[in-house]
N, C-alpha and C. Protein backbone atom coordinates (compact mmCIF):
# COMPACT_ATOMS: atom_id res chain seq x y z
N UNK A 1 16.69 7.59 -16.49
CA UNK A 1 16.62 6.92 -15.23
C UNK A 1 17.67 7.48 -14.27
N UNK A 2 18.81 7.87 -14.78
CA UNK A 2 19.84 8.43 -13.90
C UNK A 2 19.37 9.70 -13.21
N UNK A 3 18.61 10.51 -13.94
CA UNK A 3 18.08 11.74 -13.34
C UNK A 3 17.14 11.40 -12.20
N UNK A 4 16.25 10.45 -12.43
CA UNK A 4 15.31 10.05 -11.38
C UNK A 4 16.03 9.46 -10.18
N UNK A 5 17.09 8.69 -10.44
CA UNK A 5 17.87 8.13 -9.33
C UNK A 5 18.53 9.24 -8.51
N UNK A 6 19.05 10.27 -9.20
CA UNK A 6 19.68 11.37 -8.47
C UNK A 6 18.65 12.15 -7.65
N UNK A 7 17.41 12.17 -8.13
CA UNK A 7 16.32 12.85 -7.41
C UNK A 7 15.72 11.97 -6.33
N UNK A 8 15.96 10.65 -6.42
CA UNK A 8 15.38 9.73 -5.45
C UNK A 8 13.91 9.45 -5.70
N UNK A 9 13.46 9.64 -6.93
CA UNK A 9 12.05 9.43 -7.30
C UNK A 9 11.82 7.95 -7.60
N UNK A 10 11.49 7.19 -6.56
CA UNK A 10 11.38 5.74 -6.70
C UNK A 10 10.24 5.32 -7.62
N UNK A 11 9.17 6.04 -7.63
CA UNK A 11 8.05 5.70 -8.52
C UNK A 11 8.49 5.79 -9.98
N UNK A 12 9.18 6.85 -10.33
CA UNK A 12 9.66 7.02 -11.70
C UNK A 12 10.75 6.02 -12.05
N UNK A 13 11.58 5.68 -11.08
CA UNK A 13 12.63 4.68 -11.31
C UNK A 13 11.98 3.34 -11.64
N UNK A 14 10.95 2.98 -10.88
CA UNK A 14 10.24 1.73 -11.13
C UNK A 14 9.61 1.70 -12.51
N UNK A 15 9.05 2.82 -12.92
CA UNK A 15 8.45 2.91 -14.25
C UNK A 15 9.52 2.80 -15.34
N UNK A 16 10.64 3.46 -15.13
CA UNK A 16 11.73 3.39 -16.10
C UNK A 16 12.27 1.97 -16.20
N UNK A 17 12.40 1.29 -15.06
CA UNK A 17 12.86 -0.09 -15.06
C UNK A 17 11.90 -0.97 -15.87
N UNK A 18 10.61 -0.76 -15.69
CA UNK A 18 9.61 -1.51 -16.43
C UNK A 18 9.74 -1.26 -17.93
N UNK A 19 9.92 -0.01 -18.31
CA UNK A 19 10.04 0.35 -19.73
C UNK A 19 11.30 -0.24 -20.35
N UNK A 20 12.39 -0.24 -19.61
CA UNK A 20 13.63 -0.85 -20.11
C UNK A 20 13.42 -2.36 -20.27
N UNK A 21 12.72 -2.96 -19.32
CA UNK A 21 12.39 -4.38 -19.44
C UNK A 21 11.60 -4.67 -20.70
N UNK A 22 10.68 -3.78 -21.03
CA UNK A 22 9.89 -3.94 -22.26
C UNK A 22 10.77 -3.90 -23.50
N UNK A 23 11.73 -3.00 -23.53
CA UNK A 23 12.64 -2.92 -24.67
C UNK A 23 13.41 -4.22 -24.82
N UNK A 24 13.94 -4.73 -23.72
CA UNK A 24 14.67 -6.00 -23.79
C UNK A 24 13.75 -7.14 -24.21
N UNK A 25 12.50 -7.11 -23.75
CA UNK A 25 11.54 -8.14 -24.15
C UNK A 25 11.31 -8.10 -25.66
N UNK A 26 11.13 -6.91 -26.19
CA UNK A 26 10.91 -6.75 -27.64
C UNK A 26 12.15 -7.20 -28.43
N UNK A 27 13.32 -7.06 -27.82
CA UNK A 27 14.56 -7.51 -28.47
C UNK A 27 14.79 -9.02 -28.26
N UNK A 28 13.85 -9.64 -27.59
CA UNK A 28 13.89 -11.08 -27.31
C UNK A 28 15.05 -11.47 -26.40
N UNK A 29 15.49 -10.53 -25.58
CA UNK A 29 16.49 -10.81 -24.56
C UNK A 29 15.74 -10.98 -23.24
N UNK A 30 15.14 -12.16 -23.08
CA UNK A 30 14.22 -12.39 -21.99
C UNK A 30 14.89 -12.38 -20.61
N UNK A 31 16.12 -12.81 -20.55
CA UNK A 31 16.83 -12.81 -19.27
C UNK A 31 17.01 -11.38 -18.75
N UNK A 32 17.44 -10.49 -19.64
CA UNK A 32 17.64 -9.09 -19.26
C UNK A 32 16.28 -8.42 -18.98
N UNK A 33 15.27 -8.76 -19.77
CA UNK A 33 13.93 -8.21 -19.55
C UNK A 33 13.43 -8.58 -18.16
N UNK A 34 13.59 -9.84 -17.79
CA UNK A 34 13.14 -10.29 -16.48
C UNK A 34 13.88 -9.55 -15.37
N UNK A 35 15.15 -9.33 -15.56
CA UNK A 35 15.94 -8.59 -14.56
C UNK A 35 15.33 -7.22 -14.30
N UNK A 36 15.01 -6.50 -15.37
CA UNK A 36 14.45 -5.15 -15.21
C UNK A 36 13.02 -5.19 -14.68
N UNK A 37 12.22 -6.18 -15.13
CA UNK A 37 10.86 -6.31 -14.61
C UNK A 37 10.87 -6.57 -13.11
N UNK A 38 11.79 -7.43 -12.66
CA UNK A 38 11.87 -7.73 -11.23
C UNK A 38 12.34 -6.52 -10.43
N UNK A 39 13.26 -5.75 -11.00
CA UNK A 39 13.68 -4.49 -10.34
C UNK A 39 12.49 -3.54 -10.22
N UNK A 40 11.71 -3.44 -11.28
CA UNK A 40 10.53 -2.58 -11.27
C UNK A 40 9.55 -3.05 -10.20
N UNK A 41 9.33 -4.34 -10.14
CA UNK A 41 8.41 -4.90 -9.15
C UNK A 41 8.89 -4.59 -7.73
N UNK A 42 10.18 -4.67 -7.50
CA UNK A 42 10.73 -4.37 -6.17
C UNK A 42 10.44 -2.93 -5.77
N UNK A 43 10.61 -1.99 -6.71
CA UNK A 43 10.30 -0.59 -6.42
C UNK A 43 8.82 -0.42 -6.13
N UNK A 44 7.98 -1.06 -6.93
CA UNK A 44 6.53 -0.95 -6.74
C UNK A 44 6.12 -1.52 -5.38
N UNK A 45 6.70 -2.64 -5.01
CA UNK A 45 6.37 -3.23 -3.70
C UNK A 45 6.85 -2.34 -2.56
N UNK A 46 8.02 -1.76 -2.73
CA UNK A 46 8.56 -0.86 -1.70
C UNK A 46 7.63 0.32 -1.46
N UNK A 47 7.00 0.79 -2.53
CA UNK A 47 6.09 1.92 -2.43
C UNK A 47 4.65 1.48 -2.15
N UNK A 48 4.45 0.16 -2.06
CA UNK A 48 3.11 -0.40 -1.88
C UNK A 48 2.18 0.08 -3.00
N UNK A 49 2.70 0.12 -4.20
CA UNK A 49 1.96 0.56 -5.38
C UNK A 49 1.18 -0.62 -5.94
N UNK A 50 -0.12 -0.49 -6.00
CA UNK A 50 -0.97 -1.58 -6.46
C UNK A 50 -1.03 -1.67 -7.99
N UNK A 51 -0.64 -0.60 -8.68
CA UNK A 51 -0.67 -0.62 -10.14
C UNK A 51 0.68 -1.07 -10.66
N UNK A 52 0.67 -2.18 -11.31
CA UNK A 52 1.89 -2.69 -11.94
C UNK A 52 1.63 -2.71 -13.44
N UNK A 53 2.34 -1.86 -14.15
CA UNK A 53 2.10 -1.71 -15.58
C UNK A 53 3.06 -2.56 -16.37
N UNK A 54 2.52 -3.43 -17.18
CA UNK A 54 3.33 -4.19 -18.12
C UNK A 54 2.71 -3.97 -19.48
N UNK A 55 3.44 -3.31 -20.31
CA UNK A 55 2.94 -3.01 -21.66
C UNK A 55 3.56 -3.95 -22.65
N UNK A 56 2.83 -4.17 -23.72
CA UNK A 56 3.40 -5.03 -24.77
C UNK A 56 3.29 -4.35 -26.12
C-alpha cells in the first residue's frame, strides 16, 4: 500500500484498504476491519467507482 500511496494510485489504495479490512475481519477484529472498509469506501466514492468489492 505504501508503494501505491507514493504513486498516488487511489484505485489501488482503495483496494488495498479493502483487503486489509478483510484480514482484520478474518481475525475477528471488527473495529479495525470497519476502519479499513470505510477508508476503502471513501477512496471508491472519491473516484466515483461503482464497484465495491467485499470478499469473504
